[in-house]
Amino acid sequence: EVADLSTGLPEGAINGVVLQQPGVSGRVWDQSDVIAAAKDRSALVTVAADLLA
């Protein structure tokens, strides 16, 4: 499921979260709150980085 995480994680069970850096606008977002919330729920977190974006 693809979700907008700007307002937090969706309800229900979460196995993992994949985050993209930078975003589609080229901006690098501080995603530490989303990462911490996912880890609090025992989810795995991956950050995909496109350094040429």
N, C-alpha and C. Protein backbone atom coordinates (compact mmCIF):
# COMPACT_ATOMS: atom_id res chain seq x y z
N GLU A 1 0.85 -1.17 0.00
CA GLU A 1 0.00 0.00 0.00
C GLU A 1 0.89 1.24 0.00
N VAL A 2 0.58 2.20 -0.84
CA VAL A 2 1.29 3.47 -0.87
C VAL A 2 0.48 4.46 -0.05
N ALA A 3 1.15 5.17 0.85
CA ALA A 3 0.44 6.10 1.73
C ALA A 3 1.23 7.39 1.88
N ASP A 4 0.52 8.50 2.06
CA ASP A 4 1.14 9.79 2.37
C ASP A 4 1.45 9.79 3.86
N LEU A 5 2.72 9.79 4.21
CA LEU A 5 3.12 9.70 5.61
C LEU A 5 3.35 11.06 6.26
N SER A 6 3.00 12.13 5.56
CA SER A 6 3.21 13.47 6.12
C SER A 6 2.34 13.72 7.35
N THR A 7 1.28 12.95 7.50
CA THR A 7 0.40 13.10 8.67
C THR A 7 0.57 11.96 9.66
N GLY A 8 1.56 11.10 9.43
CA GLY A 8 1.81 9.98 10.33
C GLY A 8 1.55 8.65 9.64
N LEU A 9 1.78 7.59 10.38
CA LEU A 9 1.59 6.24 9.84
C LEU A 9 0.12 5.87 9.84
N PRO A 10 -0.31 5.04 8.88
CA PRO A 10 -1.70 4.59 8.87
C PRO A 10 -1.97 3.64 10.03
N GLU A 11 -3.24 3.49 10.36
CA GLU A 11 -3.65 2.57 11.42
C GLU A 11 -3.44 1.13 10.98
N GLY A 12 -3.38 0.23 11.93
CA GLY A 12 -3.25 -1.19 11.62
C GLY A 12 -1.81 -1.66 11.67
N ALA A 13 -1.65 -2.93 11.35
CA ALA A 13 -0.33 -3.56 11.40
C ALA A 13 0.56 -3.04 10.28
N ILE A 14 1.81 -2.82 10.60
CA ILE A 14 2.80 -2.38 9.62
C ILE A 14 4.02 -3.28 9.75
N ASN A 15 4.42 -3.89 8.65
CA ASN A 15 5.61 -4.74 8.64
C ASN A 15 6.86 -3.96 8.30
N GLY A 16 6.71 -2.97 7.43
CA GLY A 16 7.86 -2.20 7.00
C GLY A 16 7.45 -0.92 6.30
N VAL A 17 8.40 -0.01 6.22
CA VAL A 17 8.18 1.28 5.57
C VAL A 17 9.36 1.53 4.64
N VAL A 18 9.09 1.95 3.41
CA VAL A 18 10.13 2.34 2.46
C VAL A 18 9.97 3.83 2.19
N LEU A 19 11.00 4.59 2.49
CA LEU A 19 10.99 6.04 2.30
C LEU A 19 11.94 6.41 1.17
N GLN A 20 11.62 7.46 0.43
CA GLN A 20 12.44 7.91 -0.69
C GLN A 20 13.08 9.25 -0.34
N GLN A 21 14.37 9.38 -0.61
CA GLN A 21 15.07 10.65 -0.45
C GLN A 21 15.88 10.90 -1.71
N PRO A 22 15.96 12.05 -2.29
CA PRO A 22 15.04 13.15 -2.02
C PRO A 22 13.66 12.86 -2.58
N GLY A 23 12.70 13.70 -2.20
CA GLY A 23 11.33 13.55 -2.70
C GLY A 23 11.23 13.94 -4.17
N VAL A 24 10.03 13.90 -4.73
CA VAL A 24 9.84 14.20 -6.16
C VAL A 24 10.22 15.63 -6.50
N SER A 25 10.18 16.55 -5.52
CA SER A 25 10.54 17.94 -5.77
C SER A 25 12.04 18.18 -5.65
N GLY A 26 12.79 17.16 -5.21
CA GLY A 26 14.22 17.31 -4.99
C GLY A 26 14.56 17.72 -3.58
N ARG A 27 13.55 17.98 -2.77
CA ARG A 27 13.77 18.40 -1.38
C ARG A 27 14.06 17.18 -0.51
N VAL A 28 15.02 17.33 0.40
CA VAL A 28 15.32 16.29 1.37
C VAL A 28 14.53 16.58 2.63
N TRP A 29 13.70 15.62 3.04
CA TRP A 29 12.82 15.78 4.19
C TRP A 29 13.42 15.13 5.42
N ASP A 30 13.17 15.72 6.58
CA ASP A 30 13.55 15.10 7.86
C ASP A 30 12.47 14.08 8.18
N GLN A 31 12.79 12.82 8.04
CA GLN A 31 11.81 11.75 8.25
C GLN A 31 12.04 11.01 9.56
N SER A 32 12.76 11.65 10.49
CA SER A 32 13.09 10.99 11.75
C SER A 32 11.85 10.65 12.57
N ASP A 33 10.80 11.49 12.51
CA ASP A 33 9.57 11.19 13.26
C ASP A 33 8.87 9.95 12.71
N VAL A 34 8.82 9.83 11.39
CA VAL A 34 8.19 8.66 10.77
C VAL A 34 9.00 7.41 11.08
N ILE A 35 10.32 7.52 11.01
CA ILE A 35 11.18 6.38 11.31
C ILE A 35 11.01 5.94 12.76
N ALA A 36 10.99 6.89 13.69
CA ALA A 36 10.81 6.55 15.11
C ALA A 36 9.45 5.90 15.36
N ALA A 37 8.40 6.43 14.73
CA ALA A 37 7.06 5.86 14.90
C ALA A 37 7.00 4.44 14.35
N ALA A 38 7.64 4.20 13.21
CA ALA A 38 7.64 2.86 12.63
C ALA A 38 8.41 1.89 13.52
N LYS A 39 9.55 2.31 14.04
CA LYS A 39 10.34 1.45 14.91
C LYS A 39 9.61 1.17 16.22
N ASP A 40 8.85 2.14 16.72
CA ASP A 40 8.04 1.92 17.93
C ASP A 40 7.00 0.83 17.71
N ARG A 41 6.60 0.65 16.45
CA ARG A 41 5.62 -0.39 16.11
C ARG A 41 6.29 -1.64 15.55
N SER A 42 7.58 -1.77 15.78
CA SER A 42 8.40 -2.93 15.39
C SER A 42 8.44 -3.15 13.88
N ALA A 43 8.32 -2.09 13.11
CA ALA A 43 8.39 -2.19 11.65
C ALA A 43 9.83 -1.96 11.19
N LEU A 44 10.20 -2.59 10.09
CA LEU A 44 11.49 -2.34 9.46
C LEU A 44 11.40 -1.06 8.63
N VAL A 45 12.49 -0.31 8.54
CA VAL A 45 12.50 0.93 7.77
C VAL A 45 13.67 0.90 6.79
N THR A 46 13.37 1.25 5.53
CA THR A 46 14.39 1.37 4.49
C THR A 46 14.27 2.76 3.88
N VAL A 47 15.40 3.41 3.66
CA VAL A 47 15.41 4.70 2.98
C VAL A 47 16.15 4.51 1.66
N ALA A 48 15.43 4.72 0.55
CA ALA A 48 16.02 4.64 -0.78
C ALA A 48 16.52 6.03 -1.15
N ALA A 49 17.80 6.15 -1.50
CA ALA A 49 18.38 7.45 -1.81
C ALA A 49 18.85 7.48 -3.26
N ASP A 50 18.39 8.48 -4.00
CA ASP A 50 18.84 8.72 -5.37
C ASP A 50 19.75 9.93 -5.32
N LEU A 51 21.04 9.71 -5.23
CA LEU A 51 21.99 10.80 -5.04
C LEU A 51 22.14 11.69 -6.27
N LEU A 52 21.66 11.25 -7.42
CA LEU A 52 21.74 12.06 -8.63
C LEU A 52 20.46 12.84 -8.90
N ALA A 53 19.46 12.71 -8.05
CA ALA A 53 18.19 13.40 -8.26
C ALA A 53 18.33 14.88 -7.99
